[in-house]
Protein backbone atom coordinates (compact mmCIF):
# COMPACT_ATOMS: atom_id res chain seq x y z
CA UNK A 1 0.00 0.00 0.00
CA UNK A 2 1.22 3.49 -0.84
CA UNK A 3 0.56 5.40 2.37
CA UNK A 4 1.22 8.75 0.72
CA UNK A 5 -1.76 8.40 -1.62
CA UNK A 6 -3.94 7.25 1.29
CA UNK A 7 -2.97 10.37 3.24
CA UNK A 8 -3.69 12.64 0.27
CA UNK A 9 -7.08 11.02 -0.24
CA UNK A 10 -7.98 11.54 3.42
CA UNK A 11 -6.96 15.21 3.45
CA UNK A 12 -9.14 15.90 0.42
CA UNK A 13 -12.28 14.39 1.91
CA UNK A 14 -15.14 16.50 3.20
CA UNK A 15 -14.02 17.78 6.64
CA UNK A 16 -16.68 16.17 8.77
CA UNK A 17 -16.33 14.99 12.36
CA UNK A 18 -14.81 11.69 11.21
CA UNK A 19 -11.95 13.38 9.37
CA UNK A 20 -11.36 15.76 12.25
CA UNK A 21 -11.08 12.80 14.63
CA UNK A 22 -8.55 11.15 12.31
CA UNK A 23 -6.32 14.20 11.98
CA UNK A 24 -3.89 13.27 14.80
CA UNK A 25 -3.18 9.93 13.10
CA UNK A 26 -2.95 11.59 9.68
CA UNK A 27 -0.55 14.20 11.02
CA UNK A 28 1.70 11.52 12.50
CA UNK A 29 1.59 9.53 9.26
CA UNK A 30 2.63 12.51 7.14
CA UNK A 31 5.99 12.64 8.87
CA UNK A 32 6.58 8.91 8.37
CA UNK A 33 5.27 8.37 4.83
CA UNK A 34 8.27 9.59 2.86
CA UNK A 35 6.96 12.82 1.36
CA UNK A 36 9.52 15.31 0.13
CA UNK A 37 10.14 17.81 2.97
CA UNK A 38 8.51 20.73 1.14
CA UNK A 39 5.36 18.68 0.52
CA UNK A 40 5.30 17.27 4.05
CA UNK A 41 5.41 20.78 5.52
CA UNK A 42 2.58 21.97 3.29
CA UNK A 43 0.44 18.93 4.12
CA UNK A 44 1.02 19.45 7.83
CA UNK A 45 -0.14 23.05 7.47
CA UNK A 46 -3.32 21.81 5.78
CA UNK A 47 -3.92 19.23 8.52
CA UNK A 48 -3.47 21.86 11.21
CA UNK A 49 -5.89 24.17 9.43
CA UNK A 50 -8.51 21.42 9.12
CA UNK A 51 -8.27 20.76 12.85
CA UNK A 52 -8.35 24.39 13.96
CA UNK A 53 -11.28 26.70 14.62
CA UNK A 54 -14.98 26.08 14.16
CA UNK A 55 -15.69 22.86 12.19
CA UNK A 56 -18.49 24.70 10.39
CA UNK A 57 -15.95 27.18 9.02
CA UNK A 58 -13.84 24.35 7.61
CA UNK A 59 -16.90 22.74 6.06
CA UNK A 60 -18.03 26.01 4.53
CA UNK A 61 -14.52 26.53 3.09
CA UNK A 62 -14.75 23.12 1.44
CA UNK A 63 -18.23 23.64 0.03
CA UNK A 64 -17.36 27.04 -1.40
CA UNK A 65 -14.11 25.86 -2.92
CA UNK A 66 -14.97 22.47 -4.34
CA UNK A 67 -18.77 22.23 -4.65
CA UNK A 68 -19.70 25.76 -5.68
CA UNK A 69 -16.84 26.46 -8.08
CA UNK A 70 -16.52 24.36 -11.22
CA UNK A 71 -12.94 25.37 -12.02
CA UNK A 72 -11.78 23.74 -8.77
CA UNK A 73 -14.10 20.74 -8.93
CA UNK A 74 -12.71 17.52 -7.48
CA UNK A 75 -14.20 15.54 -10.39
CA UNK A 76 -11.35 15.08 -12.84
CA UNK A 77 -13.47 14.69 -15.97
CA UNK A 78 -15.32 17.93 -15.19
CA UNK A 79 -12.14 19.70 -16.30
CA UNK A 80 -11.90 17.71 -19.54
CA UNK A 81 -15.42 16.85 -20.65
CA UNK A 82 -17.66 19.05 -18.52
CA UNK A 83 -21.24 17.84 -18.90
CA UNK A 84 -20.71 16.51 -22.42
CA UNK A 85 -21.57 12.96 -23.39
CA UNK A 86 -17.86 12.18 -23.74
CA UNK A 87 -17.69 12.05 -19.96
CA UNK A 88 -19.67 8.80 -19.90
CA UNK A 89 -17.21 6.57 -21.79
CA UNK A 90 -14.29 8.05 -19.85
CA UNK A 91 -16.12 7.27 -16.60
CA UNK A 92 -16.83 3.70 -17.70
CA UNK A 93 -13.19 3.15 -18.67
CA UNK A 94 -11.95 4.36 -15.28
CA UNK A 95 -14.56 2.28 -13.43
CA UNK A 96 -13.43 -0.78 -15.37
CA UNK A 97 -9.82 -0.10 -14.35
CA UNK A 98 -10.93 -0.05 -10.72
CA UNK A 99 -12.96 -3.22 -11.12
CA UNK A 100 -10.15 -5.03 -12.93
CA UNK A 101 -7.84 -4.33 -10.01
CA UNK A 102 -10.41 -5.61 -7.51
CA UNK A 103 -11.21 -2.17 -6.11
CA UNK A 104 -14.83 -1.68 -5.07
CA UNK A 105 -16.38 1.78 -5.18
CA UNK A 106 -18.45 2.33 -2.07
CA UNK A 107 -20.96 5.10 -1.52
CA UNK A 108 -22.17 7.40 -4.27
CA UNK A 109 -18.90 8.85 -5.56
CA UNK A 110 -18.22 8.77 -9.28
CA UNK A 111 -14.96 7.12 -10.40
CA UNK A 112 -13.33 10.44 -11.33
CA UNK A 113 -13.76 11.93 -7.83
CA UNK A 114 -10.19 12.86 -6.92
CA UNK A 115 -10.23 11.59 -3.29
CA UNK A 116 -11.53 8.24 -4.61
CA UNK A 117 -8.94 8.21 -7.40
CA UNK A 118 -6.16 8.80 -4.86
CA UNK A 119 -7.60 6.10 -2.60
CA UNK A 120 -7.39 3.68 -5.53
CA UNK A 121 -3.81 4.67 -6.29
CA UNK A 122 -2.91 3.76 -2.71
CA UNK A 123 -3.75 0.09 -3.39
CA UNK A 124 -3.44 -0.18 -7.19
CA UNK A 125 -0.83 -2.37 -8.88
CA UNK A 126 2.24 -0.18 -9.37
CA UNK A 127 2.23 -0.22 -13.17
CA UNK A 128 -1.49 0.56 -13.47
CA UNK A 129 -1.33 3.24 -10.80
CA UNK A 130 1.62 4.94 -12.45
CA UNK A 131 -0.12 4.91 -15.84
CA UNK A 132 -3.37 6.39 -14.49
CA UNK A 133 -1.54 9.03 -12.47
CA UNK A 134 0.49 10.02 -15.52
CA UNK A 135 -2.72 10.46 -17.52
CA UNK A 136 -4.35 12.49 -14.75
CA UNK A 137 -1.28 14.64 -14.00
CA UNK A 138 -2.15 17.49 -16.43
CA UNK A 139 -5.61 17.81 -14.84
CA UNK A 140 -4.19 17.67 -11.32
CA UNK A 141 -1.63 20.30 -12.33
CA UNK A 142 -4.46 22.50 -13.63
CA UNK A 143 -6.32 22.12 -10.34
CA UNK A 144 -3.16 23.00 -8.40
CA UNK A 145 -2.65 26.18 -10.42
CA UNK A 146 -6.25 27.25 -10.01
CA UNK A 147 -6.13 26.73 -6.25
CA UNK A 148 -2.99 28.85 -5.95
CA UNK A 149 -4.49 31.53 -8.17
CA UNK A 150 -7.40 32.02 -5.79
CA UNK A 151 -5.00 33.35 -3.11
CA UNK A 152 -7.46 32.73 -0.25
CA UNK A 153 -5.99 30.78 2.65
CA UNK A 154 -8.22 27.67 2.26
CA UNK A 155 -7.44 27.33 -1.45
CA UNK A 156 -3.70 27.72 -0.96
CA UNK A 157 -3.76 25.22 1.91
CA UNK A 158 -5.58 22.61 -0.18
CA UNK A 159 -3.11 23.17 -3.04
CA UNK A 160 -0.67 21.05 -1.00
CA UNK A 161 -2.57 17.90 -1.99
CA UNK A 162 -2.32 18.17 -5.80
CA UNK A 163 1.27 19.38 -5.44
CA UNK A 164 2.18 16.23 -3.51
CA UNK A 165 0.27 14.06 -6.01
CA UNK A 166 2.24 15.61 -8.86
CA UNK A 167 5.47 14.85 -6.98
CA UNK A 168 4.42 11.19 -6.94
CA UNK A 169 4.14 11.40 -10.73
CA UNK A 170 7.56 13.01 -10.99
CA UNK A 171 6.01 16.22 -12.31
CA UNK A 172 6.93 19.69 -11.11
CA UNK A 173 3.71 21.67 -10.57
CA UNK A 174 3.23 24.73 -12.72
CA UNK A 175 1.92 27.55 -10.53
CA UNK A 176 -0.20 29.09 -13.25
CA UNK A 177 -2.31 32.16 -12.74
CA UNK A 178 -6.07 31.93 -12.92
CA UNK A 179 -7.37 30.70 -16.24
CA UNK A 180 -9.82 32.76 -18.25
CA UNK A 181 -12.79 30.55 -17.42
CA UNK A 182 -12.32 31.17 -13.70
CA UNK A 183 -13.97 34.54 -14.22
CA UNK A 184 -17.18 32.79 -15.29
CA UNK A 185 -17.48 30.45 -12.32
CA UNK A 186 -20.94 30.29 -10.81
CA UNK A 187 -20.08 31.15 -7.21
CA UNK A 188 -23.57 31.13 -5.76
CA UNK A 189 -26.07 28.37 -5.19
CA UNK A 190 -28.73 29.75 -7.50
CA UNK A 191 -26.37 29.96 -10.45
CA UNK A 192 -25.07 26.43 -9.86
CA UNK A 193 -28.59 25.02 -9.71
CA UNK A 194 -29.57 26.86 -12.89
CA UNK A 195 -26.48 25.60 -14.69
CA UNK A 196 -27.35 21.99 -13.86
CA UNK A 197 -31.07 22.22 -14.49
CA UNK A 198 -30.88 21.48 -18.23
CA UNK A 199 -27.55 19.63 -18.26
CA UNK A 200 -27.35 16.61 -20.62
CA UNK A 201 -27.64 13.17 -19.12
CA UNK A 202 -24.27 11.57 -18.43
CA UNK A 203 -23.22 8.18 -17.14
CA UNK A 204 -23.25 7.77 -13.38
CA UNK A 205 -25.52 7.22 -10.41
CA UNK A 206 -28.62 9.36 -10.41
CA UNK A 207 -27.90 10.31 -6.82
CA UNK A 208 -24.35 11.57 -7.48
CA UNK A 209 -23.89 13.92 -4.50
CA UNK A 210 -22.06 16.53 -6.54
CA UNK A 211 -24.71 16.65 -9.26
CA UNK A 212 -27.41 16.97 -6.64
CA UNK A 213 -25.46 19.67 -4.84
CA UNK A 214 -26.05 17.98 -1.49
CA UNK A 215 -23.19 19.70 0.30
CA UNK A 216 -23.70 22.93 -1.64
CA UNK A 217 -27.34 23.07 -0.64
CA UNK A 218 -26.24 22.66 2.97
CA UNK A 219 -24.10 25.81 2.83
CA UNK A 220 -27.02 28.07 3.73
CA UNK A 221 -27.86 25.83 6.66
CA UNK A 222 -24.26 26.00 7.86
CA UNK A 223 -24.41 29.79 7.72
CA UNK A 224 -27.64 29.82 9.71
CA UNK A 225 -26.15 27.52 12.36
CA UNK A 226 -23.16 29.82 12.70
CA UNK A 227 -25.41 32.85 13.15
CA UNK A 228 -27.47 31.04 15.79
CA UNK A 229 -24.32 29.95 17.59
CA UNK A 230 -22.98 33.52 17.56
CA UNK A 231 -26.26 34.85 18.95
CA UNK A 232 -26.24 32.31 21.78
CA UNK A 233 -29.35 30.55 20.58
CA UNK A 234 -27.42 27.25 20.37
C-alpha atoms as a PDB file:
ATOM      1  CA  UNK A   1       0.000   0.000   0.000  1.00  0.00           C
ATOM      2  CA  UNK A   2       1.221   3.493  -0.843  1.00  0.00           C
ATOM      3  CA  UNK A   3       0.558   5.402   2.373  1.00  0.00           C
ATOM      4  CA  UNK A   4       1.219   8.749   0.718  1.00  0.00           C
ATOM      5  CA  UNK A   5      -1.759   8.402  -1.622  1.00  0.00           C
ATOM      6  CA  UNK A   6      -3.936   7.248   1.288  1.00  0.00           C
ATOM      7  CA  UNK A   7      -2.974  10.372   3.237  1.00  0.00           C
ATOM      8  CA  UNK A   8      -3.685  12.645   0.267  1.00  0.00           C
ATOM      9  CA  UNK A   9      -7.078  11.019  -0.240  1.00  0.00           C
ATOM     10  CA  UNK A  10      -7.981  11.538   3.418  1.00  0.00           C
ATOM     11  CA  UNK A  11      -6.965  15.205   3.453  1.00  0.00           C
ATOM     12  CA  UNK A  12      -9.140  15.898   0.418  1.00  0.00           C
ATOM     13  CA  UNK A  13     -12.284  14.386   1.906  1.00  0.00           C
ATOM     14  CA  UNK A  14     -15.139  16.497   3.205  1.00  0.00           C
ATOM     15  CA  UNK A  15     -14.019  17.776   6.643  1.00  0.00           C
ATOM     16  CA  UNK A  16     -16.684  16.167   8.768  1.00  0.00           C
ATOM     17  CA  UNK A  17     -16.329  14.988  12.356  1.00  0.00           C
ATOM     18  CA  UNK A  18     -14.808  11.693  11.211  1.00  0.00           C
ATOM     19  CA  UNK A  19     -11.955  13.383   9.367  1.00  0.00           C
ATOM     20  CA  UNK A  20     -11.360  15.764  12.253  1.00  0.00           C
ATOM     21  CA  UNK A  21     -11.075  12.805  14.635  1.00  0.00           C
ATOM     22  CA  UNK A  22      -8.550  11.147  12.314  1.00  0.00           C
ATOM     23  CA  UNK A  23      -6.316  14.205  11.979  1.00  0.00           C
ATOM     24  CA  UNK A  24      -3.886  13.270  14.800  1.00  0.00           C
ATOM     25  CA  UNK A  25      -3.179   9.931  13.101  1.00  0.00           C
ATOM     26  CA  UNK A  26      -2.952  11.590   9.676  1.00  0.00           C
ATOM     27  CA  UNK A  27      -0.548  14.204  11.024  1.00  0.00           C
ATOM     28  CA  UNK A  28       1.698  11.519  12.503  1.00  0.00           C
ATOM     29  CA  UNK A  29       1.590   9.527   9.258  1.00  0.00           C
ATOM     30  CA  UNK A  30       2.631  12.514   7.141  1.00  0.00           C
ATOM     31  CA  UNK A  31       5.985  12.638   8.873  1.00  0.00           C
ATOM     32  CA  UNK A  32       6.585   8.910   8.368  1.00  0.00           C
ATOM     33  CA  UNK A  33       5.268   8.371   4.834  1.00  0.00           C
ATOM     34  CA  UNK A  34       8.268   9.593   2.863  1.00  0.00           C
ATOM     35  CA  UNK A  35       6.955  12.822   1.360  1.00  0.00           C
ATOM     36  CA  UNK A  36       9.518  15.311   0.132  1.00  0.00           C
ATOM     37  CA  UNK A  37      10.142  17.812   2.966  1.00  0.00           C
ATOM     38  CA  UNK A  38       8.509  20.729   1.144  1.00  0.00           C
ATOM     39  CA  UNK A  39       5.363  18.682   0.518  1.00  0.00           C
ATOM     40  CA  UNK A  40       5.298  17.274   4.049  1.00  0.00           C
ATOM     41  CA  UNK A  41       5.412  20.778   5.525  1.00  0.00           C
ATOM     42  CA  UNK A  42       2.578  21.966   3.287  1.00  0.00           C
ATOM     43  CA  UNK A  43       0.441  18.928   4.116  1.00  0.00           C
ATOM     44  CA  UNK A  44       1.022  19.447   7.829  1.00  0.00           C
ATOM     45  CA  UNK A  45      -0.143  23.053   7.474  1.00  0.00           C
ATOM     46  CA  UNK A  46      -3.318  21.815   5.783  1.00  0.00           C
ATOM     47  CA  UNK A  47      -3.915  19.227   8.516  1.00  0.00           C
ATOM     48  CA  UNK A  48      -3.468  21.863  11.207  1.00  0.00           C
ATOM     49  CA  UNK A  49      -5.889  24.168   9.427  1.00  0.00           C
ATOM     50  CA  UNK A  50      -8.514  21.424   9.125  1.00  0.00           C
ATOM     51  CA  UNK A  51      -8.274  20.765  12.850  1.00  0.00           C
ATOM     52  CA  UNK A  52      -8.354  24.390  13.960  1.00  0.00           C
ATOM     53  CA  UNK A  53     -11.285  26.700  14.620  1.00  0.00           C
ATOM     54  CA  UNK A  54     -14.977  26.076  14.159  1.00  0.00           C
ATOM     55  CA  UNK A  55     -15.690  22.864  12.188  1.00  0.00           C
ATOM     56  CA  UNK A  56     -18.491  24.704  10.389  1.00  0.00           C
ATOM     57  CA  UNK A  57     -15.954  27.183   9.021  1.00  0.00           C
ATOM     58  CA  UNK A  58     -13.838  24.354   7.612  1.00  0.00           C
ATOM     59  CA  UNK A  59     -16.904  22.735   6.055  1.00  0.00           C
ATOM     60  CA  UNK A  60     -18.027  26.006   4.527  1.00  0.00           C
ATOM     61  CA  UNK A  61     -14.523  26.529   3.088  1.00  0.00           C
ATOM     62  CA  UNK A  62     -14.754  23.116   1.444  1.00  0.00           C
ATOM     63  CA  UNK A  63     -18.233  23.636   0.027  1.00  0.00           C
ATOM     64  CA  UNK A  64     -17.363  27.041  -1.404  1.00  0.00           C
ATOM     65  CA  UNK A  65     -14.107  25.858  -2.920  1.00  0.00           C
ATOM     66  CA  UNK A  66     -14.971  22.465  -4.343  1.00  0.00           C
ATOM     67  CA  UNK A  67     -18.770  22.235  -4.645  1.00  0.00           C
ATOM     68  CA  UNK A  68     -19.703  25.757  -5.679  1.00  0.00           C
ATOM     69  CA  UNK A  69     -16.839  26.459  -8.075  1.00  0.00           C
ATOM     70  CA  UNK A  70     -16.521  24.361 -11.221  1.00  0.00           C
ATOM     71  CA  UNK A  71     -12.942  25.371 -12.017  1.00  0.00           C
ATOM     72  CA  UNK A  72     -11.780  23.738  -8.768  1.00  0.00           C
ATOM     73  CA  UNK A  73     -14.104  20.741  -8.925  1.00  0.00           C
ATOM     74  CA  UNK A  74     -12.714  17.518  -7.483  1.00  0.00           C
ATOM     75  CA  UNK A  75     -14.203  15.543 -10.387  1.00  0.00           C
ATOM     76  CA  UNK A  76     -11.350  15.076 -12.844  1.00  0.00           C
ATOM     77  CA  UNK A  77     -13.473  14.689 -15.970  1.00  0.00           C
ATOM     78  CA  UNK A  78     -15.315  17.926 -15.189  1.00  0.00           C
ATOM     79  CA  UNK A  79     -12.135  19.697 -16.305  1.00  0.00           C
ATOM     80  CA  UNK A  80     -11.898  17.707 -19.541  1.00  0.00           C
ATOM     81  CA  UNK A  81     -15.421  16.847 -20.650  1.00  0.00           C
ATOM     82  CA  UNK A  82     -17.655  19.050 -18.524  1.00  0.00           C
ATOM     83  CA  UNK A  83     -21.237  17.841 -18.904  1.00  0.00           C
ATOM     84  CA  UNK A  84     -20.708  16.510 -22.420  1.00  0.00           C
ATOM     85  CA  UNK A  85     -21.570  12.959 -23.393  1.00  0.00           C
ATOM     86  CA  UNK A  86     -17.860  12.181 -23.736  1.00  0.00           C
ATOM     87  CA  UNK A  87     -17.694  12.046 -19.960  1.00  0.00           C
ATOM     88  CA  UNK A  88     -19.672   8.797 -19.897  1.00  0.00           C
ATOM     89  CA  UNK A  89     -17.214   6.573 -21.792  1.00  0.00           C
ATOM     90  CA  UNK A  90     -14.292   8.051 -19.846  1.00  0.00           C
ATOM     91  CA  UNK A  91     -16.125   7.275 -16.600  1.00  0.00           C
ATOM     92  CA  UNK A  92     -16.826   3.703 -17.703  1.00  0.00           C
ATOM     93  CA  UNK A  93     -13.193   3.148 -18.667  1.00  0.00           C
ATOM     94  CA  UNK A  94     -11.953   4.362 -15.281  1.00  0.00           C
ATOM     95  CA  UNK A  95     -14.558   2.282 -13.427  1.00  0.00           C
ATOM     96  CA  UNK A  96     -13.431  -0.780 -15.369  1.00  0.00           C
ATOM     97  CA  UNK A  97      -9.821  -0.103 -14.346  1.00  0.00           C
ATOM     98  CA  UNK A  98     -10.931  -0.052 -10.717  1.00  0.00           C
ATOM     99  CA  UNK A  99     -12.963  -3.222 -11.122  1.00  0.00           C
ATOM    100  CA  UNK A 100     -10.152  -5.033 -12.932  1.00  0.00           C
ATOM    101  CA  UNK A 101      -7.843  -4.326 -10.015  1.00  0.00           C
ATOM    102  CA  UNK A 102     -10.409  -5.611  -7.512  1.00  0.00           C
ATOM    103  CA  UNK A 103     -11.214  -2.167  -6.114  1.00  0.00           C
ATOM    104  CA  UNK A 104     -14.834  -1.678  -5.066  1.00  0.00           C
ATOM    105  CA  UNK A 105     -16.383   1.776  -5.183  1.00  0.00           C
ATOM    106  CA  UNK A 106     -18.452   2.333  -2.071  1.00  0.00           C
ATOM    107  CA  UNK A 107     -20.957   5.105  -1.518  1.00  0.00           C
ATOM    108  CA  UNK A 108     -22.170   7.403  -4.269  1.00  0.00           C
ATOM    109  CA  UNK A 109     -18.901   8.854  -5.558  1.00  0.00           C
ATOM    110  CA  UNK A 110     -18.215   8.774  -9.277  1.00  0.00           C
ATOM    111  CA  UNK A 111     -14.956   7.124 -10.397  1.00  0.00           C
ATOM    112  CA  UNK A 112     -13.332  10.444 -11.327  1.00  0.00           C
ATOM    113  CA  UNK A 113     -13.759  11.935  -7.830  1.00  0.00           C
ATOM    114  CA  UNK A 114     -10.194  12.860  -6.917  1.00  0.00           C
ATOM    115  CA  UNK A 115     -10.226  11.590  -3.293  1.00  0.00           C
ATOM    116  CA  UNK A 116     -11.534   8.243  -4.607  1.00  0.00           C
ATOM    117  CA  UNK A 117      -8.941   8.214  -7.398  1.00  0.00           C
ATOM    118  CA  UNK A 118      -6.159   8.805  -4.856  1.00  0.00           C
ATOM    119  CA  UNK A 119      -7.597   6.098  -2.599  1.00  0.00           C
ATOM    120  CA  UNK A 120      -7.390   3.683  -5.528  1.00  0.00           C
ATOM    121  CA  UNK A 121      -3.805   4.675  -6.293  1.00  0.00           C
ATOM    122  CA  UNK A 122      -2.913   3.760  -2.714  1.00  0.00           C
ATOM    123  CA  UNK A 123      -3.748   0.095  -3.390  1.00  0.00           C
ATOM    124  CA  UNK A 124      -3.439  -0.184  -7.189  1.00  0.00           C
ATOM    125  CA  UNK A 125      -0.828  -2.366  -8.879  1.00  0.00           C
ATOM    126  CA  UNK A 126       2.243  -0.180  -9.365  1.00  0.00           C
ATOM    127  CA  UNK A 127       2.226  -0.217 -13.170  1.00  0.00           C
ATOM    128  CA  UNK A 128      -1.491   0.565 -13.473  1.00  0.00           C
ATOM    129  CA  UNK A 129      -1.327   3.238 -10.800  1.00  0.00           C
ATOM    130  CA  UNK A 130       1.622   4.945 -12.449  1.00  0.00           C
ATOM    131  CA  UNK A 131      -0.121   4.913 -15.839  1.00  0.00           C
ATOM    132  CA  UNK A 132      -3.366   6.389 -14.486  1.00  0.00           C
ATOM    133  CA  UNK A 133      -1.543   9.033 -12.470  1.00  0.00           C
ATOM    134  CA  UNK A 134       0.485  10.021 -15.516  1.00  0.00           C
ATOM    135  CA  UNK A 135      -2.718  10.464 -17.517  1.00  0.00           C
ATOM    136  CA  UNK A 136      -4.346  12.490 -14.754  1.00  0.00           C
ATOM    137  CA  UNK A 137      -1.279  14.637 -14.001  1.00  0.00           C
ATOM    138  CA  UNK A 138      -2.152  17.488 -16.427  1.00  0.00           C
ATOM    139  CA  UNK A 139      -5.610  17.806 -14.842  1.00  0.00           C
ATOM    140  CA  UNK A 140      -4.189  17.673 -11.322  1.00  0.00           C
ATOM    141  CA  UNK A 141      -1.634  20.296 -12.332  1.00  0.00           C
ATOM    142  CA  UNK A 142      -4.461  22.497 -13.626  1.00  0.00           C
ATOM    143  CA  UNK A 143      -6.323  22.119 -10.338  1.00  0.00           C
ATOM    144  CA  UNK A 144      -3.155  22.997  -8.403  1.00  0.00           C
ATOM    145  CA  UNK A 145      -2.649  26.179 -10.424  1.00  0.00           C
ATOM    146  CA  UNK A 146      -6.250  27.249 -10.005  1.00  0.00           C
ATOM    147  CA  UNK A 147      -6.133  26.731  -6.251  1.00  0.00           C
ATOM    148  CA  UNK A 148      -2.995  28.847  -5.946  1.00  0.00           C
ATOM    149  CA  UNK A 149      -4.486  31.530  -8.170  1.00  0.00           C
ATOM    150  CA  UNK A 150      -7.403  32.019  -5.792  1.00  0.00           C
ATOM    151  CA  UNK A 151      -4.999  33.349  -3.114  1.00  0.00           C
ATOM    152  CA  UNK A 152      -7.459  32.731  -0.250  1.00  0.00           C
ATOM    153  CA  UNK A 153      -5.994  30.779   2.650  1.00  0.00           C
ATOM    154  CA  UNK A 154      -8.225  27.670   2.258  1.00  0.00           C
ATOM    155  CA  UNK A 155      -7.442  27.330  -1.453  1.00  0.00           C
ATOM    156  CA  UNK A 156      -3.696  27.723  -0.961  1.00  0.00           C
ATOM    157  CA  UNK A 157      -3.757  25.221   1.914  1.00  0.00           C
ATOM    158  CA  UNK A 158      -5.576  22.608  -0.177  1.00  0.00           C
ATOM    159  CA  UNK A 159      -3.110  23.166  -3.039  1.00  0.00           C
ATOM    160  CA  UNK A 160      -0.674  21.054  -1.000  1.00  0.00           C
ATOM    161  CA  UNK A 161      -2.569  17.902  -1.994  1.00  0.00           C
ATOM    162  CA  UNK A 162      -2.321  18.171  -5.805  1.00  0.00           C
ATOM    163  CA  UNK A 163       1.271  19.384  -5.436  1.00  0.00           C
ATOM    164  CA  UNK A 164       2.178  16.233  -3.512  1.00  0.00           C
ATOM    165  CA  UNK A 165       0.275  14.059  -6.007  1.00  0.00           C
ATOM    166  CA  UNK A 166       2.243  15.613  -8.856  1.00  0.00           C
ATOM    167  CA  UNK A 167       5.468  14.854  -6.985  1.00  0.00           C
ATOM    168  CA  UNK A 168       4.422  11.187  -6.945  1.00  0.00           C
ATOM    169  CA  UNK A 169       4.137  11.405 -10.733  1.00  0.00           C
ATOM    170  CA  UNK A 170       7.558  13.007 -10.991  1.00  0.00           C
ATOM    171  CA  UNK A 171       6.008  16.224 -12.309  1.00  0.00           C
ATOM    172  CA  UNK A 172       6.934  19.693 -11.113  1.00  0.00           C
ATOM    173  CA  UNK A 173       3.714  21.674 -10.573  1.00  0.00           C
ATOM    174  CA  UNK A 174       3.232  24.725 -12.719  1.00  0.00           C
ATOM    175  CA  UNK A 175       1.920  27.550 -10.533  1.00  0.00           C
ATOM    176  CA  UNK A 176      -0.205  29.092 -13.252  1.00  0.00           C
ATOM    177  CA  UNK A 177      -2.311  32.158 -12.744  1.00  0.00           C
ATOM    178  CA  UNK A 178      -6.074  31.931 -12.920  1.00  0.00           C
ATOM    179  CA  UNK A 179      -7.368  30.704 -16.241  1.00  0.00           C
ATOM    180  CA  UNK A 180      -9.817  32.756 -18.245  1.00  0.00           C
ATOM    181  CA  UNK A 181     -12.788  30.555 -17.416  1.00  0.00           C
ATOM    182  CA  UNK A 182     -12.316  31.174 -13.695  1.00  0.00           C
ATOM    183  CA  UNK A 183     -13.973  34.544 -14.216  1.00  0.00           C
ATOM    184  CA  UNK A 184     -17.181  32.790 -15.288  1.00  0.00           C
ATOM    185  CA  UNK A 185     -17.476  30.450 -12.324  1.00  0.00           C
ATOM    186  CA  UNK A 186     -20.938  30.286 -10.809  1.00  0.00           C
ATOM    187  CA  UNK A 187     -20.083  31.151  -7.215  1.00  0.00           C
ATOM    188  CA  UNK A 188     -23.574  31.129  -5.755  1.00  0.00           C
ATOM    189  CA  UNK A 189     -26.068  28.373  -5.190  1.00  0.00           C
ATOM    190  CA  UNK A 190     -28.726  29.755  -7.498  1.00  0.00           C
ATOM    191  CA  UNK A 191     -26.373  29.956 -10.453  1.00  0.00           C
ATOM    192  CA  UNK A 192     -25.074  26.432  -9.858  1.00  0.00           C
ATOM    193  CA  UNK A 193     -28.595  25.015  -9.711  1.00  0.00           C
ATOM    194  CA  UNK A 194     -29.569  26.863 -12.888  1.00  0.00           C
ATOM    195  CA  UNK A 195     -26.480  25.603 -14.694  1.00  0.00           C
ATOM    196  CA  UNK A 196     -27.350  21.992 -13.861  1.00  0.00           C
ATOM    197  CA  UNK A 197     -31.071  22.222 -14.494  1.00  0.00           C
ATOM    198  CA  UNK A 198     -30.879  21.481 -18.226  1.00  0.00           C
ATOM    199  CA  UNK A 199     -27.554  19.630 -18.263  1.00  0.00           C
ATOM    200  CA  UNK A 200     -27.346  16.615 -20.618  1.00  0.00           C
ATOM    201  CA  UNK A 201     -27.640  13.169 -19.122  1.00  0.00           C
ATOM    202  CA  UNK A 202     -24.267  11.573 -18.434  1.00  0.00           C
ATOM    203  CA  UNK A 203     -23.217   8.183 -17.137  1.00  0.00           C
ATOM    204  CA  UNK A 204     -23.248   7.770 -13.380  1.00  0.00           C
ATOM    205  CA  UNK A 205     -25.524   7.217 -10.405  1.00  0.00           C
ATOM    206  CA  UNK A 206     -28.620   9.358 -10.413  1.00  0.00           C
ATOM    207  CA  UNK A 207     -27.901  10.311  -6.825  1.00  0.00           C
ATOM    208  CA  UNK A 208     -24.355  11.569  -7.482  1.00  0.00           C
ATOM    209  CA  UNK A 209     -23.885  13.921  -4.499  1.00  0.00           C
ATOM    210  CA  UNK A 210     -22.064  16.525  -6.537  1.00  0.00           C
ATOM    211  CA  UNK A 211     -24.707  16.651  -9.261  1.00  0.00           C
ATOM    212  CA  UNK A 212     -27.414  16.967  -6.636  1.00  0.00           C
ATOM    213  CA  UNK A 213     -25.464  19.674  -4.844  1.00  0.00           C
ATOM    214  CA  UNK A 214     -26.052  17.983  -1.489  1.00  0.00           C
ATOM    215  CA  UNK A 215     -23.188  19.704   0.299  1.00  0.00           C
ATOM    216  CA  UNK A 216     -23.698  22.927  -1.639  1.00  0.00           C
ATOM    217  CA  UNK A 217     -27.345  23.066  -0.645  1.00  0.00           C
ATOM    218  CA  UNK A 218     -26.236  22.661   2.975  1.00  0.00           C
ATOM    219  CA  UNK A 219     -24.101  25.807   2.825  1.00  0.00           C
ATOM    220  CA  UNK A 220     -27.022  28.072   3.727  1.00  0.00           C
ATOM    221  CA  UNK A 221     -27.864  25.826   6.664  1.00  0.00           C
ATOM    222  CA  UNK A 222     -24.262  25.996   7.864  1.00  0.00           C
ATOM    223  CA  UNK A 223     -24.410  29.789   7.720  1.00  0.00           C
ATOM    224  CA  UNK A 224     -27.642  29.819   9.715  1.00  0.00           C
ATOM    225  CA  UNK A 225     -26.153  27.518  12.360  1.00  0.00           C
ATOM    226  CA  UNK A 226     -23.157  29.818  12.697  1.00  0.00           C
ATOM    227  CA  UNK A 227     -25.415  32.847  13.151  1.00  0.00           C
ATOM    228  CA  UNK A 228     -27.465  31.040  15.787  1.00  0.00           C
ATOM    229  CA  UNK A 229     -24.317  29.953  17.592  1.00  0.00           C
ATOM    230  CA  UNK A 230     -22.982  33.519  17.558  1.00  0.00           C
ATOM    231  CA  UNK A 231     -26.263  34.848  18.950  1.00  0.00           C
ATOM    232  CA  UNK A 232     -26.237  32.308  21.779  1.00  0.00           C
ATOM    233  CA  UNK A 233     -29.346  30.551  20.581  1.00  0.00           C
ATOM    234  CA  UNK A 234     -27.425  27.254  20.369  1.00  0.00           C
END
